[in-house]
Amino acid sequence: KFERQDGSTFRYAHFGAAVTSAGLVLSPDTSESGMAL
């Protein structure tokens, strides 16, 4: 985590697919990083 002076926070992340631009809401692909019951 990095927090800027105005309170905005940022997290270091890994992208599983190309992100085509800034301003996109992101979520993890659970099929690649999790295990069902």
PDB file of all heavy atoms in Angstrom:
ATOM      1  N   LYS A   1       0.826  -1.211   0.000  1.00  0.00           N
ATOM      2  CA  LYS A   1       0.000   0.000   0.000  1.00  0.00           C
ATOM      3  C   LYS A   1       0.861   1.263   0.000  1.00  0.00           C
ATOM      4  O   LYS A   1       1.854   1.354   0.722  1.00  0.00           O
ATOM      5  CB  LYS A   1      -0.899  -0.015   1.233  1.00  0.00           C
ATOM      6  CG  LYS A   1      -1.779   1.214   1.414  1.00  0.00           C
ATOM      7  CD  LYS A   1      -2.583   1.081   2.704  1.00  0.00           C
ATOM      8  CE  LYS A   1      -3.389   2.336   2.987  1.00  0.00           C
ATOM      9  NZ  LYS A   1      -4.137   2.225   4.260  1.00  0.00           N
ATOM     10  N   PHE A   2       0.453   2.241  -0.815  1.00  0.00           N
ATOM     11  CA  PHE A   2       1.034   3.582  -0.793  1.00  0.00           C
ATOM     12  C   PHE A   2      -0.104   4.569  -0.607  1.00  0.00           C
ATOM     13  O   PHE A   2      -1.116   4.506  -1.315  1.00  0.00           O
ATOM     14  CB  PHE A   2       1.781   3.888  -2.093  1.00  0.00           C
ATOM     15  CG  PHE A   2       2.155   5.338  -2.244  1.00  0.00           C
ATOM     16  CD1 PHE A   2       3.215   5.866  -1.534  1.00  0.00           C
ATOM     17  CD2 PHE A   2       1.420   6.182  -3.072  1.00  0.00           C
ATOM     18  CE1 PHE A   2       3.556   7.206  -1.655  1.00  0.00           C
ATOM     19  CE2 PHE A   2       1.753   7.520  -3.209  1.00  0.00           C
ATOM     20  CZ  PHE A   2       2.829   8.040  -2.492  1.00  0.00           C
ATOM     21  N   GLU A   3       0.042   5.474   0.360  1.00  0.00           N
ATOM     22  CA  GLU A   3      -0.981   6.492   0.591  1.00  0.00           C
ATOM     23  C   GLU A   3      -0.412   7.873   0.292  1.00  0.00           C
ATOM     24  O   GLU A   3       0.635   8.252   0.819  1.00  0.00           O
ATOM     25  CB  GLU A   3      -1.491   6.440   2.029  1.00  0.00           C
ATOM     26  CG  GLU A   3      -2.626   7.421   2.292  1.00  0.00           C
ATOM     27  CD  GLU A   3      -3.297   7.238   3.642  1.00  0.00           C
ATOM     28  OE1 GLU A   3      -3.022   6.214   4.295  1.00  0.00           O
ATOM     29  OE2 GLU A   3      -4.086   8.115   4.036  1.00  0.00           O
ATOM     30  N   ARG A   4      -1.121   8.613  -0.555  1.00  0.00           N
ATOM     31  CA  ARG A   4      -0.698   9.953  -0.945  1.00  0.00           C
ATOM     32  C   ARG A   4      -1.169  10.968   0.104  1.00  0.00           C
ATOM     33  O   ARG A   4      -2.025  10.660   0.935  1.00  0.00           O
ATOM     34  CB  ARG A   4      -1.296  10.271  -2.318  1.00  0.00           C
ATOM     35  CG  ARG A   4      -0.583  11.344  -3.117  1.00  0.00           C
ATOM     36  CD  ARG A   4      -1.075  11.349  -4.557  1.00  0.00           C
ATOM     37  NE  ARG A   4      -2.529  11.535  -4.650  1.00  0.00           N
ATOM     38  CZ  ARG A   4      -3.223  11.356  -5.768  1.00  0.00           C
ATOM     39  NH1 ARG A   4      -2.629  10.968  -6.871  1.00  0.00           N
ATOM     40  NH2 ARG A   4      -4.532  11.552  -5.772  1.00  0.00           N
ATOM     41  N   GLN A   5      -0.641  12.199   0.046  1.00  0.00           N
ATOM     42  CA  GLN A   5      -0.966  13.203   1.047  1.00  0.00           C
ATOM     43  C   GLN A   5      -2.464  13.503   1.135  1.00  0.00           C
ATOM     44  O   GLN A   5      -2.974  13.879   2.199  1.00  0.00           O
ATOM     45  CB  GLN A   5      -0.205  14.514   0.759  1.00  0.00           C
ATOM     46  CG  GLN A   5       1.301  14.400   0.884  1.00  0.00           C
ATOM     47  CD  GLN A   5       1.957  14.041  -0.432  1.00  0.00           C
ATOM     48  OE1 GLN A   5       1.349  13.392  -1.289  1.00  0.00           O
ATOM     49  NE2 GLN A   5       3.210  14.450  -0.608  1.00  0.00           N
ATOM     50  N   ASP A   6      -3.195  13.356   0.029  1.00  0.00           N
ATOM     51  CA  ASP A   6      -4.627  13.662   0.030  1.00  0.00           C
ATOM     52  C   ASP A   6      -5.481  12.493   0.501  1.00  0.00           C
ATOM     53  O   ASP A   6      -6.712  12.570   0.477  1.00  0.00           O
ATOM     54  CB  ASP A   6      -5.077  14.109  -1.361  1.00  0.00           C
ATOM     55  CG  ASP A   6      -4.899  13.022  -2.420  1.00  0.00           C
ATOM     56  OD1 ASP A   6      -4.296  11.980  -2.110  1.00  0.00           O
ATOM     57  OD2 ASP A   6      -5.365  13.223  -3.561  1.00  0.00           O
ATOM     58  N   GLY A   7      -4.842  11.401   0.936  1.00  0.00           N
ATOM     59  CA  GLY A   7      -5.583  10.235   1.419  1.00  0.00           C
ATOM     60  C   GLY A   7      -5.859   9.189   0.357  1.00  0.00           C
ATOM     61  O   GLY A   7      -6.333   8.096   0.684  1.00  0.00           O
ATOM     62  N   SER A   8      -5.564   9.500  -0.895  1.00  0.00           N
ATOM     63  CA  SER A   8      -5.737   8.499  -1.953  1.00  0.00           C
ATOM     64  C   SER A   8      -4.763   7.341  -1.710  1.00  0.00           C
ATOM     65  O   SER A   8      -3.610   7.565  -1.331  1.00  0.00           O
ATOM     66  CB  SER A   8      -5.472   9.113  -3.327  1.00  0.00           C
ATOM     67  OG  SER A   8      -6.433  10.099  -3.623  1.00  0.00           O
ATOM     68  N   THR A   9      -5.228   6.122  -1.934  1.00  0.00           N
ATOM     69  CA  THR A   9      -4.371   4.967  -1.708  1.00  0.00           C
ATOM     70  C   THR A   9      -4.223   4.136  -2.977  1.00  0.00           C
ATOM     71  O   THR A   9      -5.124   4.100  -3.825  1.00  0.00           O
ATOM     72  CB  THR A   9      -4.917   4.069  -0.577  1.00  0.00           C
ATOM     73  OG1 THR A   9      -6.242   3.626  -0.924  1.00  0.00           O
ATOM     74  CG2 THR A   9      -4.970   4.818   0.739  1.00  0.00           C
ATOM     75  N   PHE A  10      -3.072   3.503  -3.072  1.00  0.00           N
ATOM     76  CA  PHE A  10      -2.713   2.710  -4.245  1.00  0.00           C
ATOM     77  C   PHE A  10      -2.154   1.377  -3.760  1.00  0.00           C
ATOM     78  O   PHE A  10      -1.551   1.287  -2.688  1.00  0.00           O
ATOM     79  CB  PHE A  10      -1.668   3.448  -5.087  1.00  0.00           C
ATOM     80  CG  PHE A  10      -2.122   4.817  -5.521  1.00  0.00           C
ATOM     81  CD1 PHE A  10      -2.012   5.911  -4.673  1.00  0.00           C
ATOM     82  CD2 PHE A  10      -2.671   5.006  -6.774  1.00  0.00           C
ATOM     83  CE1 PHE A  10      -2.441   7.175  -5.061  1.00  0.00           C
ATOM     84  CE2 PHE A  10      -3.111   6.274  -7.180  1.00  0.00           C
ATOM     85  CZ  PHE A  10      -2.996   7.351  -6.314  1.00  0.00           C
ATOM     86  N   ARG A  11      -2.349   0.334  -4.555  1.00  0.00           N
ATOM     87  CA  ARG A  11      -1.855  -1.004  -4.213  1.00  0.00           C
ATOM     88  C   ARG A  11      -1.054  -1.563  -5.385  1.00  0.00           C
ATOM     89  O   ARG A  11      -1.404  -1.361  -6.555  1.00  0.00           O
ATOM     90  CB  ARG A  11      -3.020  -1.951  -3.912  1.00  0.00           C
ATOM     91  CG  ARG A  11      -3.905  -1.534  -2.741  1.00  0.00           C
ATOM     92  CD  ARG A  11      -3.346  -1.988  -1.425  1.00  0.00           C
ATOM     93  NE  ARG A  11      -4.256  -1.683  -0.320  1.00  0.00           N
ATOM     94  CZ  ARG A  11      -4.090  -2.119   0.925  1.00  0.00           C
ATOM     95  NH1 ARG A  11      -3.049  -2.881   1.220  1.00  0.00           N
ATOM     96  NH2 ARG A  11      -4.947  -1.794   1.863  1.00  0.00           N
ATOM     97  N   TYR A  12       0.012  -2.290  -5.039  1.00  0.00           N
ATOM     98  CA  TYR A  12       0.826  -2.941  -6.060  1.00  0.00           C
ATOM     99  C   TYR A  12       0.116  -4.221  -6.486  1.00  0.00           C
ATOM    100  O   TYR A  12      -0.336  -5.012  -5.634  1.00  0.00           O
ATOM    101  CB  TYR A  12       2.208  -3.261  -5.498  1.00  0.00           C
ATOM    102  CG  TYR A  12       3.207  -3.675  -6.548  1.00  0.00           C
ATOM    103  CD1 TYR A  12       3.644  -2.784  -7.522  1.00  0.00           C
ATOM    104  CD2 TYR A  12       3.717  -4.963  -6.570  1.00  0.00           C
ATOM    105  CE1 TYR A  12       4.567  -3.159  -8.481  1.00  0.00           C
ATOM    106  CE2 TYR A  12       4.644  -5.358  -7.526  1.00  0.00           C
ATOM    107  CZ  TYR A  12       5.066  -4.447  -8.482  1.00  0.00           C
ATOM    108  OH  TYR A  12       5.974  -4.819  -9.430  1.00  0.00           O
ATOM    109  N   ALA A  13      -0.004  -4.447  -7.789  1.00  0.00           N
ATOM    110  CA  ALA A  13      -0.855  -5.522  -8.288  1.00  0.00           C
ATOM    111  C   ALA A  13      -0.229  -6.246  -9.462  1.00  0.00           C
ATOM    112  O   ALA A  13       0.710  -5.773 -10.096  1.00  0.00           O
ATOM    113  CB  ALA A  13      -2.215  -4.948  -8.696  1.00  0.00           C
ATOM    114  N   HIS A  14      -0.802  -7.401  -9.756  1.00  0.00           N
ATOM    115  CA  HIS A  14      -0.412  -8.221 -10.915  1.00  0.00           C
ATOM    116  C   HIS A  14      -1.603  -8.308 -11.855  1.00  0.00           C
ATOM    117  O   HIS A  14      -2.740  -8.530 -11.428  1.00  0.00           O
ATOM    118  CB  HIS A  14      -0.016  -9.631 -10.451  1.00  0.00           C
ATOM    119  CG  HIS A  14       0.086 -10.617 -11.574  1.00  0.00           C
ATOM    120  ND1 HIS A  14      -0.944 -11.477 -11.918  1.00  0.00           N
ATOM    121  CD2 HIS A  14       1.095 -10.879 -12.453  1.00  0.00           C
ATOM    122  CE1 HIS A  14      -0.574 -12.224 -12.936  1.00  0.00           C
ATOM    123  NE2 HIS A  14       0.644 -11.887 -13.280  1.00  0.00           N
ATOM    124  N   PHE A  15      -1.346  -8.133 -13.168  1.00  0.00           N
ATOM    125  CA  PHE A  15      -2.409  -8.168 -14.170  1.00  0.00           C
ATOM    126  C   PHE A  15      -2.373  -9.495 -14.922  1.00  0.00           C
ATOM    127  O   PHE A  15      -1.345  -9.897 -15.453  1.00  0.00           O
ATOM    128  CB  PHE A  15      -2.243  -7.001 -15.146  1.00  0.00           C
ATOM    129  CG  PHE A  15      -2.171  -5.668 -14.461  1.00  0.00           C
ATOM    130  CD1 PHE A  15      -0.962  -4.996 -14.337  1.00  0.00           C
ATOM    131  CD2 PHE A  15      -3.296  -5.095 -13.905  1.00  0.00           C
ATOM    132  CE1 PHE A  15      -0.881  -3.776 -13.687  1.00  0.00           C
ATOM    133  CE2 PHE A  15      -3.236  -3.870 -13.247  1.00  0.00           C
ATOM    134  CZ  PHE A  15      -2.025  -3.210 -13.138  1.00  0.00           C
ATOM    135  N   GLY A  16      -3.518 -10.171 -14.954  1.00  0.00           N
ATOM    136  CA  GLY A  16      -3.606 -11.454 -15.635  1.00  0.00           C
ATOM    137  C   GLY A  16      -3.964 -11.333 -17.093  1.00  0.00           C
ATOM    138  O   GLY A  16      -3.885 -12.302 -17.848  1.00  0.00           O
ATOM    139  N   ALA A  17      -4.385 -10.152 -17.502  1.00  0.00           N
ATOM    140  CA  ALA A  17      -4.718  -9.874 -18.908  1.00  0.00           C
ATOM    141  C   ALA A  17      -4.362  -8.421 -19.181  1.00  0.00           C
ATOM    142  O   ALA A  17      -4.210  -7.623 -18.253  1.00  0.00           O
ATOM    143  CB  ALA A  17      -6.202 -10.125 -19.175  1.00  0.00           C
ATOM    144  N   ALA A  18      -4.229  -8.076 -20.455  1.00  0.00           N
ATOM    145  CA  ALA A  18      -3.882  -6.706 -20.816  1.00  0.00           C
ATOM    146  C   ALA A  18      -4.969  -5.743 -20.343  1.00  0.00           C
ATOM    147  O   ALA A  18      -6.165  -6.014 -20.490  1.00  0.00           O
ATOM    148  CB  ALA A  18      -3.704  -6.595 -22.326  1.00  0.00           C
ATOM    149  N   VAL A  19      -4.546  -4.637 -19.746  1.00  0.00           N
ATOM    150  CA  VAL A  19      -5.459  -3.571 -19.330  1.00  0.00           C
ATOM    151  C   VAL A  19      -5.303  -2.456 -20.361  1.00  0.00           C
ATOM    152  O   VAL A  19      -4.229  -1.860 -20.478  1.00  0.00           O
ATOM    153  CB  VAL A  19      -5.116  -3.075 -17.912  1.00  0.00           C
ATOM    154  CG1 VAL A  19      -6.024  -1.915 -17.528  1.00  0.00           C
ATOM    155  CG2 VAL A  19      -5.241  -4.220 -16.908  1.00  0.00           C
ATOM    156  N   THR A  20      -6.345  -2.171 -21.117  1.00  0.00           N
ATOM    157  CA  THR A  20      -6.220  -1.339 -22.312  1.00  0.00           C
ATOM    158  C   THR A  20      -6.115   0.149 -22.043  1.00  0.00           C
ATOM    159  O   THR A  20      -5.690   0.904 -22.916  1.00  0.00           O
ATOM    160  CB  THR A  20      -7.404  -1.593 -23.251  1.00  0.00           C
ATOM    161  OG1 THR A  20      -8.633  -1.327 -22.549  1.00  0.00           O
ATOM    162  CG2 THR A  20      -7.398  -3.041 -23.731  1.00  0.00           C
ATOM    163  N   SER A  21      -6.508   0.607 -20.851  1.00  0.00           N
ATOM    164  CA  SER A  21      -6.415   2.036 -20.561  1.00  0.00           C
ATOM    165  C   SER A  21      -6.465   2.274 -19.067  1.00  0.00           C
ATOM    166  O   SER A  21      -6.759   1.360 -18.279  1.00  0.00           O
ATOM    167  CB  SER A  21      -7.563   2.803 -21.237  1.00  0.00           C
ATOM    168  OG  SER A  21      -8.770   2.664 -20.516  1.00  0.00           O
ATOM    169  N   ALA A  22      -6.193   3.515 -18.688  1.00  0.00           N
ATOM    170  CA  ALA A  22      -6.443   3.932 -17.314  1.00  0.00           C
ATOM    171  C   ALA A  22      -7.955   4.054 -17.110  1.00  0.00           C
ATOM    172  O   ALA A  22      -8.727   4.085 -18.066  1.00  0.00           O
ATOM    173  CB  ALA A  22      -5.764   5.270 -17.046  1.00  0.00           C
ATOM    174  N   GLY A  23      -8.380   4.108 -15.850  1.00  0.00           N
ATOM    175  CA  GLY A  23      -9.779   4.354 -15.550  1.00  0.00           C
ATOM    176  C   GLY A  23     -10.702   3.166 -15.679  1.00  0.00           C
ATOM    177  O   GLY A  23     -11.919   3.331 -15.790  1.00  0.00           O
ATOM    178  N   LEU A  24     -10.150   1.951 -15.637  1.00  0.00           N
ATOM    179  CA  LEU A  24     -10.986   0.746 -15.705  1.00  0.00           C
ATOM    180  C   LEU A  24     -11.073   0.081 -14.333  1.00  0.00           C
ATOM    181  O   LEU A  24     -10.057  -0.066 -13.646  1.00  0.00           O
ATOM    182  CB  LEU A  24     -10.412  -0.256 -16.714  1.00  0.00           C
ATOM    183  CG  LEU A  24     -10.341   0.194 -18.168  1.00  0.00           C
ATOM    184  CD1 LEU A  24      -9.743  -0.926 -19.029  1.00  0.00           C
ATOM    185  CD2 LEU A  24     -11.720   0.588 -18.696  1.00  0.00           C
ATOM    186  N   VAL A  25     -12.261  -0.324 -13.953  1.00  0.00           N
ATOM    187  CA  VAL A  25     -12.448  -1.073 -12.712  1.00  0.00           C
ATOM    188  C   VAL A  25     -11.924  -2.488 -12.922  1.00  0.00           C
ATOM    189  O   VAL A  25     -12.228  -3.136 -13.935  1.00  0.00           O
ATOM    190  CB  VAL A  25     -13.934  -1.106 -12.308  1.00  0.00           C
ATOM    191  CG1 VAL A  25     -14.109  -1.878 -11.005  1.00  0.00           C
ATOM    192  CG2 VAL A  25     -14.484   0.311 -12.159  1.00  0.00           C
ATOM    193  N   LEU A  26     -11.137  -2.976 -11.960  1.00  0.00           N
ATOM    194  CA  LEU A  26     -10.453  -4.263 -12.103  1.00  0.00           C
ATOM    195  C   LEU A  26     -10.903  -5.252 -11.029  1.00  0.00           C
ATOM    196  O   LEU A  26     -11.256  -4.863  -9.910  1.00  0.00           O
ATOM    197  CB  LEU A  26      -8.938  -4.065 -11.995  1.00  0.00           C
ATOM    198  CG  LEU A  26      -8.311  -3.035 -12.941  1.00  0.00           C
ATOM    199  CD1 LEU A  26      -6.842  -2.825 -12.591  1.00  0.00           C
ATOM    200  CD2 LEU A  26      -8.471  -3.463 -14.393  1.00  0.00           C
ATOM    201  N   SER A  27     -10.853  -6.524 -11.384  1.00  0.00           N
ATOM    202  CA  SER A  27     -11.137  -7.591 -10.420  1.00  0.00           C
ATOM    203  C   SER A  27     -10.287  -8.803 -10.775  1.00  0.00           C
ATOM    204  O   SER A  27      -9.854  -8.958 -11.924  1.00  0.00           O
ATOM    205  CB  SER A  27     -12.619  -7.969 -10.434  1.00  0.00           C
ATOM    206  OG  SER A  27     -12.968  -8.559 -11.678  1.00  0.00           O
ATOM    207  N   PRO A  28     -10.012  -9.690  -9.817  1.00  0.00           N
ATOM    208  CA  PRO A  28      -9.199 -10.871 -10.114  1.00  0.00           C
ATOM    209  C   PRO A  28      -9.985 -11.924 -10.883  1.00  0.00           C
ATOM    210  O   PRO A  28     -11.204 -12.041 -10.733  1.00  0.00           O
ATOM    211  CB  PRO A  28      -8.805 -11.391  -8.719  1.00  0.00           C
ATOM    212  CG  PRO A  28      -9.874 -10.886  -7.816  1.00  0.00           C
ATOM    213  CD  PRO A  28     -10.340  -9.581  -8.384  1.00  0.00           C
ATOM    214  N   ASP A  29      -9.277 -12.685 -11.706  1.00  0.00           N
ATOM    215  CA  ASP A  29      -9.857 -13.859 -12.358  1.00  0.00           C
ATOM    216  C   ASP A  29      -9.725 -15.010 -11.367  1.00  0.00           C
ATOM    217  O   ASP A  29      -8.644 -15.566 -11.182  1.00  0.00           O
ATOM    218  CB  ASP A  29      -9.109 -14.167 -13.651  1.00  0.00           C
ATOM    219  CG  ASP A  29      -9.729 -15.326 -14.429  1.00  0.00           C
ATOM    220  OD1 ASP A  29     -10.431 -16.153 -13.807  1.00  0.00           O
ATOM    221  OD2 ASP A  29      -9.505 -15.411 -15.644  1.00  0.00           O
ATOM    222  N   THR A  30     -10.821 -15.359 -10.699  1.00  0.00           N
ATOM    223  CA  THR A  30     -10.744 -16.362  -9.634  1.00  0.00           C
ATOM    224  C   THR A  30     -10.373 -17.752 -10.141  1.00  0.00           C
ATOM    225  O   THR A  30      -9.858 -18.568  -9.385  1.00  0.00           O
ATOM    226  CB  THR A  30     -12.077 -16.439  -8.865  1.00  0.00           C
ATOM    227  OG1 THR A  30     -13.133 -16.764  -9.783  1.00  0.00           O
ATOM    228  CG2 THR A  30     -12.390 -15.106  -8.197  1.00  0.00           C
ATOM    229  N   SER A  31     -10.610 -18.008 -11.429  1.00  0.00           N
ATOM    230  CA  SER A  31     -10.255 -19.324 -11.968  1.00  0.00           C
ATOM    231  C   SER A  31      -8.745 -19.510 -12.028  1.00  0.00           C
ATOM    232  O   SER A  31      -8.251 -20.644 -12.088  1.00  0.00           O
ATOM    233  CB  SER A  31     -10.855 -19.510 -13.370  1.00  0.00           C
ATOM    234  OG  SER A  31     -10.241 -18.636 -14.302  1.00  0.00           O
ATOM    235  N   GLU A  32      -7.994 -18.403 -12.004  1.00  0.00           N
ATOM    236  CA  GLU A  32      -6.538 -18.473 -12.089  1.00  0.00           C
ATOM    237  C   GLU A  32      -5.856 -18.409 -10.726  1.00  0.00           C
ATOM    238  O   GLU A  32      -4.685 -18.765 -10.610  1.00  0.00           O
ATOM    239  CB  GLU A  32      -6.008 -17.323 -12.962  1.00  0.00           C
ATOM    240  CG  GLU A  32      -6.473 -17.389 -14.412  1.00  0.00           C
ATOM    241  CD  GLU A  32      -5.979 -16.196 -15.208  1.00  0.00           C
ATOM    242  OE1 GLU A  32      -5.301 -15.325 -14.635  1.00  0.00           O
ATOM    243  OE2 GLU A  32      -6.263 -16.141 -16.420  1.00  0.00           O
ATOM    244  N   SER A  33      -6.542 -17.923  -9.710  1.00  0.00           N
ATOM    245  CA  SER A  33      -5.861 -17.682  -8.448  1.00  0.00           C
ATOM    246  C   SER A  33      -6.560 -18.250  -7.228  1.00  0.00           C
ATOM    247  O   SER A  33      -6.152 -17.991  -6.101  1.00  0.00           O
ATOM    248  CB  SER A  33      -5.667 -16.170  -8.248  1.00  0.00           C
ATOM    249  OG  SER A  33      -6.908 -15.499  -8.328  1.00  0.00           O
ATOM    250  N   GLY A  34      -7.617 -19.026  -7.423  1.00  0.00           N
ATOM    251  CA  GLY A  34      -8.333 -19.609  -6.295  1.00  0.00           C
ATOM    252  C   GLY A  34      -8.619 -21.086  -6.499  1.00  0.00           C
ATOM    253  O   GLY A  34      -8.278 -21.666  -7.530  1.00  0.00           O
ATOM    254  N   MET A  35      -9.225 -21.701  -5.493  1.00  0.00           N
ATOM    255  CA  MET A  35      -9.596 -23.118  -5.576  1.00  0.00           C
ATOM    256  C   MET A  35     -10.987 -23.269  -4.989  1.00  0.00           C
ATOM    257  O   MET A  35     -11.244 -22.858  -3.852  1.00  0.00           O
ATOM    258  CB  MET A  35      -8.601 -23.986  -4.794  1.00  0.00           C
ATOM    259  CG  MET A  35      -8.876 -25.490  -4.889  1.00  0.00           C
ATOM    260  SD  MET A  35      -7.647 -26.494  -3.983  1.00  0.00           S
ATOM    261  CE  MET A  35      -8.303 -26.407  -2.316  1.00  0.00           C
ATOM    262  N   ALA A  36     -11.904 -23.811  -5.776  1.00  0.00           N
ATOM    263  CA  ALA A  36     -13.254 -24.052  -5.299  1.00  0.00           C
ATOM    264  C   ALA A  36     -13.228 -25.084  -4.182  1.00  0.00           C
ATOM    265  O   ALA A  36     -12.239 -25.798  -3.984  1.00  0.00           O
ATOM    266  CB  ALA A  36     -14.131 -24.526  -6.446  1.00  0.00           C
ATOM    267  N   LEU A  37     -14.316 -25.149  -3.438  1.00  0.00           N
ATOM    268  CA  LEU A  37     -14.404 -26.099  -2.334  1.00  0.00           C
ATOM    269  C   LEU A  37     -14.020 -27.498  -2.797  1.00  0.00           C
ATOM    270  O   LEU A  37     -14.577 -28.031  -3.752  1.00  0.00           O
ATOM    271  CB  LEU A  37     -15.827 -26.107  -1.779  1.00  0.00           C
ATOM    272  CG  LEU A  37     -16.069 -27.012  -0.584  1.00  0.00           C
ATOM    273  CD1 LEU A  37     -15.274 -26.540   0.631  1.00  0.00           C
ATOM    274  CD2 LEU A  37     -17.555 -27.067  -0.246  1.00  0.00           C
TER     275      LEU A  37
END
